[in-house]
Amino acid sequence: MKARKSAGKRKWVDPDDAPELTKEWFETADLYKGEKLIRRGRPRSAAPKTAVSLRLDADVLEYYKSAGAGWQSRINADLRKAAKLKQRA
């Protein structure tokens, strides 16, 4: 387990002086499996997408955005169809 630096200047000695371990403390604590730090959040994708800059006609962009959230995914799906690529799950 990786050693951490003390957050305060005072050295803690007596177990009775330990801070209360609250739900909030556990939610922000690092989680280890053996020596390995387990990352939080969304796991890395096996096929990550690539960020690009793309110039679209204003009316095309408005069409996709008007349908709400997920407009970039819909553009991606339509491009896959046009290129006759297999749809991903």
N, C-alpha and C. Protein backbone atom coordinates (compact mmCIF):
# COMPACT_ATOMS: atom_id res chain seq x y z
N MET A 1 0.85 -1.17 0.00
CA MET A 1 0.00 0.00 0.00
C MET A 1 0.89 1.23 0.00
N LYS A 2 0.53 2.22 -0.77
CA LYS A 2 1.30 3.43 -0.94
C LYS A 2 1.18 4.33 0.30
N ALA A 3 2.31 4.84 0.78
CA ALA A 3 2.30 5.74 1.94
C ALA A 3 1.78 7.11 1.52
N ARG A 4 1.00 7.73 2.40
CA ARG A 4 0.45 9.05 2.11
C ARG A 4 1.05 10.07 3.06
N LYS A 5 1.14 11.29 2.59
CA LYS A 5 1.62 12.37 3.43
C LYS A 5 0.53 12.80 4.38
N SER A 6 0.92 13.23 5.57
CA SER A 6 -0.04 13.70 6.56
C SER A 6 -0.65 15.02 6.11
N ALA A 7 -1.97 15.15 6.29
CA ALA A 7 -2.66 16.37 5.89
C ALA A 7 -2.42 17.51 6.86
N GLY A 8 -2.11 17.19 8.11
CA GLY A 8 -1.93 18.23 9.12
C GLY A 8 -0.52 18.25 9.67
N LYS A 9 -0.26 19.25 10.51
CA LYS A 9 1.07 19.36 11.11
C LYS A 9 1.18 18.51 12.37
N ARG A 10 0.04 18.28 13.05
CA ARG A 10 0.04 17.55 14.30
C ARG A 10 0.20 16.06 14.05
N LYS A 11 1.08 15.42 14.79
CA LYS A 11 1.28 13.98 14.65
C LYS A 11 0.28 13.26 15.54
N TRP A 12 -0.44 12.34 14.97
CA TRP A 12 -1.47 11.60 15.67
C TRP A 12 -0.85 10.38 16.33
N VAL A 13 -1.15 10.18 17.61
CA VAL A 13 -0.57 9.06 18.34
C VAL A 13 -1.65 8.18 18.96
N ASP A 14 -2.60 8.77 19.65
CA ASP A 14 -3.63 8.03 20.39
C ASP A 14 -4.78 7.64 19.48
N PRO A 15 -5.14 6.34 19.40
CA PRO A 15 -6.25 5.92 18.55
C PRO A 15 -7.57 6.60 18.91
N ASP A 16 -7.73 7.03 20.15
CA ASP A 16 -8.95 7.72 20.55
C ASP A 16 -9.07 9.10 19.91
N ASP A 17 -7.96 9.64 19.42
CA ASP A 17 -7.96 10.95 18.78
C ASP A 17 -8.22 10.87 17.27
N ALA A 18 -8.43 9.66 16.75
CA ALA A 18 -8.63 9.48 15.31
C ALA A 18 -9.92 10.17 14.87
N PRO A 19 -9.91 10.75 13.67
CA PRO A 19 -11.13 11.38 13.17
C PRO A 19 -12.20 10.31 12.92
N GLU A 20 -13.46 10.72 12.99
CA GLU A 20 -14.56 9.80 12.73
C GLU A 20 -14.56 9.43 11.25
N LEU A 21 -14.73 8.16 10.98
CA LEU A 21 -14.76 7.69 9.59
C LEU A 21 -16.20 7.75 9.10
N THR A 22 -16.52 8.81 8.39
CA THR A 22 -17.87 9.06 7.91
C THR A 22 -18.08 8.47 6.52
N LYS A 23 -19.32 8.46 6.08
CA LYS A 23 -19.66 8.01 4.73
C LYS A 23 -18.91 8.85 3.69
N GLU A 24 -18.83 10.16 3.92
CA GLU A 24 -18.14 11.07 3.00
C GLU A 24 -16.65 10.72 2.92
N TRP A 25 -16.05 10.34 4.04
CA TRP A 25 -14.62 10.00 4.05
C TRP A 25 -14.39 8.77 3.17
N PHE A 26 -15.25 7.74 3.32
CA PHE A 26 -15.09 6.52 2.54
C PHE A 26 -15.34 6.77 1.06
N GLU A 27 -16.23 7.70 0.72
CA GLU A 27 -16.52 7.99 -0.69
C GLU A 27 -15.33 8.62 -1.40
N THR A 28 -14.46 9.31 -0.66
CA THR A 28 -13.31 9.97 -1.28
C THR A 28 -12.00 9.21 -1.06
N ALA A 29 -12.04 8.12 -0.32
CA ALA A 29 -10.82 7.36 -0.02
C ALA A 29 -10.34 6.60 -1.25
N ASP A 30 -9.02 6.39 -1.34
CA ASP A 30 -8.45 5.58 -2.42
C ASP A 30 -8.73 4.12 -2.13
N LEU A 31 -8.98 3.34 -3.17
CA LEU A 31 -9.26 1.92 -3.04
C LEU A 31 -8.12 1.14 -3.69
N TYR A 32 -7.55 0.21 -2.95
CA TYR A 32 -6.45 -0.60 -3.45
C TYR A 32 -6.85 -2.06 -3.47
N LYS A 33 -6.37 -2.77 -4.48
CA LYS A 33 -6.48 -4.23 -4.53
C LYS A 33 -5.04 -4.72 -4.53
N GLY A 34 -4.59 -5.16 -3.36
CA GLY A 34 -3.17 -5.47 -3.19
C GLY A 34 -2.40 -4.16 -3.26
N GLU A 35 -1.42 -4.09 -4.15
CA GLU A 35 -0.61 -2.88 -4.31
C GLU A 35 -1.18 -1.94 -5.39
N LYS A 36 -2.18 -2.42 -6.12
CA LYS A 36 -2.69 -1.67 -7.26
C LYS A 36 -3.83 -0.74 -6.86
N LEU A 37 -3.71 0.54 -7.25
CA LEU A 37 -4.76 1.52 -7.03
C LEU A 37 -5.88 1.27 -8.03
N ILE A 38 -7.09 1.10 -7.53
CA ILE A 38 -8.25 0.89 -8.39
C ILE A 38 -8.79 2.26 -8.79
N ARG A 39 -8.85 2.51 -10.07
CA ARG A 39 -9.33 3.80 -10.58
C ARG A 39 -10.83 3.90 -10.44
N ARG A 40 -11.30 5.11 -10.20
CA ARG A 40 -12.73 5.35 -10.10
C ARG A 40 -13.24 5.88 -11.43
N GLY A 41 -14.55 5.91 -11.54
CA GLY A 41 -15.15 6.49 -12.74
C GLY A 41 -15.36 5.46 -13.83
N ARG A 42 -15.63 5.97 -14.99
CA ARG A 42 -15.94 5.12 -16.13
C ARG A 42 -14.69 4.37 -16.58
N PRO A 43 -14.80 3.05 -16.80
CA PRO A 43 -13.63 2.30 -17.26
C PRO A 43 -13.24 2.71 -18.68
N ARG A 44 -12.00 2.52 -19.01
CA ARG A 44 -11.52 2.85 -20.36
C ARG A 44 -12.18 1.95 -21.38
N SER A 45 -12.53 2.53 -22.51
CA SER A 45 -13.18 1.80 -23.58
C SER A 45 -12.15 0.99 -24.37
N ALA A 46 -12.58 -0.18 -24.83
CA ALA A 46 -11.70 -1.00 -25.68
C ALA A 46 -11.53 -0.34 -27.04
N ALA A 47 -12.53 0.46 -27.47
CA ALA A 47 -12.47 1.15 -28.76
C ALA A 47 -12.85 2.62 -28.53
N PRO A 48 -11.93 3.41 -27.96
CA PRO A 48 -12.25 4.81 -27.67
C PRO A 48 -12.45 5.62 -28.95
N LYS A 49 -13.27 6.65 -28.83
CA LYS A 49 -13.51 7.53 -29.98
C LYS A 49 -12.41 8.59 -30.05
N THR A 50 -12.23 9.16 -31.21
CA THR A 50 -11.21 10.18 -31.43
C THR A 50 -11.88 11.54 -31.58
N ALA A 51 -11.39 12.52 -30.85
CA ALA A 51 -11.92 13.88 -30.98
C ALA A 51 -11.39 14.50 -32.26
N VAL A 52 -12.30 15.11 -33.03
CA VAL A 52 -11.92 15.77 -34.28
C VAL A 52 -12.62 17.12 -34.37
N SER A 53 -12.11 17.95 -35.22
CA SER A 53 -12.77 19.22 -35.53
C SER A 53 -13.37 19.03 -36.92
N LEU A 54 -14.68 19.30 -37.02
CA LEU A 54 -15.39 19.03 -38.27
C LEU A 54 -16.27 20.22 -38.60
N ARG A 55 -16.19 20.69 -39.82
CA ARG A 55 -17.02 21.83 -40.24
C ARG A 55 -18.26 21.29 -40.93
N LEU A 56 -19.43 21.65 -40.37
CA LEU A 56 -20.71 21.22 -40.91
C LEU A 56 -21.53 22.44 -41.31
N ASP A 57 -22.44 22.26 -42.27
CA ASP A 57 -23.37 23.34 -42.61
C ASP A 57 -24.24 23.62 -41.38
N ALA A 58 -24.59 24.88 -41.21
CA ALA A 58 -25.36 25.30 -40.04
C ALA A 58 -26.70 24.56 -39.94
N ASP A 59 -27.38 24.35 -41.07
CA ASP A 59 -28.67 23.67 -41.01
C ASP A 59 -28.54 22.19 -40.64
N VAL A 60 -27.45 21.56 -41.05
CA VAL A 60 -27.21 20.16 -40.68
C VAL A 60 -26.99 20.07 -39.17
N LEU A 61 -26.16 20.94 -38.65
CA LEU A 61 -25.89 20.95 -37.21
C LEU A 61 -27.16 21.23 -36.41
N GLU A 62 -27.95 22.20 -36.87
CA GLU A 62 -29.20 22.54 -36.19
C GLU A 62 -30.16 21.35 -36.18
N TYR A 63 -30.21 20.61 -37.28
CA TYR A 63 -31.08 19.43 -37.37
C TYR A 63 -30.73 18.42 -36.28
N TYR A 64 -29.46 18.11 -36.15
CA TYR A 64 -29.04 17.12 -35.15
C TYR A 64 -29.21 17.65 -33.72
N LYS A 65 -28.84 18.89 -33.49
CA LYS A 65 -28.94 19.46 -32.15
C LYS A 65 -30.40 19.63 -31.71
N SER A 66 -31.30 19.86 -32.65
CA SER A 66 -32.71 20.10 -32.31
C SER A 66 -33.36 18.85 -31.70
N ALA A 67 -32.80 17.68 -31.95
CA ALA A 67 -33.35 16.44 -31.40
C ALA A 67 -32.88 16.21 -29.96
N GLY A 68 -32.01 17.06 -29.46
CA GLY A 68 -31.58 16.96 -28.06
C GLY A 68 -30.25 16.26 -27.86
N ALA A 69 -30.05 15.86 -26.61
CA ALA A 69 -28.78 15.24 -26.21
C ALA A 69 -28.50 14.01 -27.07
N GLY A 70 -27.23 13.74 -27.30
CA GLY A 70 -26.82 12.59 -28.11
C GLY A 70 -26.66 12.90 -29.58
N TRP A 71 -26.67 14.19 -29.92
CA TRP A 71 -26.59 14.56 -31.34
C TRP A 71 -25.29 14.11 -31.99
N GLN A 72 -24.19 14.12 -31.24
CA GLN A 72 -22.92 13.69 -31.82
C GLN A 72 -22.94 12.18 -32.10
N SER A 73 -23.56 11.42 -31.21
CA SER A 73 -23.68 9.97 -31.43
C SER A 73 -24.56 9.68 -32.63
N ARG A 74 -25.62 10.47 -32.82
CA ARG A 74 -26.48 10.28 -34.00
C ARG A 74 -25.73 10.59 -35.29
N ILE A 75 -24.92 11.63 -35.29
CA ILE A 75 -24.11 11.94 -36.47
C ILE A 75 -23.17 10.77 -36.75
N ASN A 76 -22.54 10.24 -35.70
CA ASN A 76 -21.61 9.12 -35.85
C ASN A 76 -22.34 7.90 -36.43
N ALA A 77 -23.54 7.60 -35.92
CA ALA A 77 -24.31 6.46 -36.42
C ALA A 77 -24.69 6.65 -37.89
N ASP A 78 -25.10 7.87 -38.26
CA ASP A 78 -25.46 8.13 -39.66
C ASP A 78 -24.24 8.04 -40.58
N LEU A 79 -23.09 8.48 -40.12
CA LEU A 79 -21.87 8.35 -40.92
C LEU A 79 -21.48 6.88 -41.09
N ARG A 80 -21.67 6.07 -40.05
CA ARG A 80 -21.38 4.64 -40.15
C ARG A 80 -22.30 4.00 -41.20
N LYS A 81 -23.60 4.38 -41.19
CA LYS A 81 -24.54 3.84 -42.18
C LYS A 81 -24.12 4.24 -43.59
N ALA A 82 -23.79 5.52 -43.78
CA ALA A 82 -23.40 6.01 -45.10
C ALA A 82 -22.15 5.32 -45.62
N ALA A 83 -21.25 4.98 -44.71
CA ALA A 83 -19.99 4.32 -45.10
C ALA A 83 -20.15 2.80 -45.15
N LYS A 84 -21.38 2.32 -44.84
CA LYS A 84 -21.68 0.89 -44.81
C LYS A 84 -20.77 0.12 -43.85
N LEU A 85 -20.58 0.73 -42.68
CA LEU A 85 -19.80 0.10 -41.60
C LEU A 85 -20.76 -0.57 -40.63
N LYS A 86 -20.30 -1.61 -39.98
CA LYS A 86 -21.12 -2.33 -39.00
C LYS A 86 -21.45 -1.41 -37.82
N GLN A 87 -22.71 -1.43 -37.37
CA GLN A 87 -23.11 -0.62 -36.22
C GLN A 87 -22.52 -1.23 -34.95
N ARG A 88 -22.08 -0.37 -34.06
CA ARG A 88 -21.55 -0.83 -32.77
C ARG A 88 -22.65 -0.81 -31.74
N ALA A 89 -22.49 -1.66 -30.74
CA ALA A 89 -23.49 -1.76 -29.67
C ALA A 89 -23.46 -0.55 -28.76
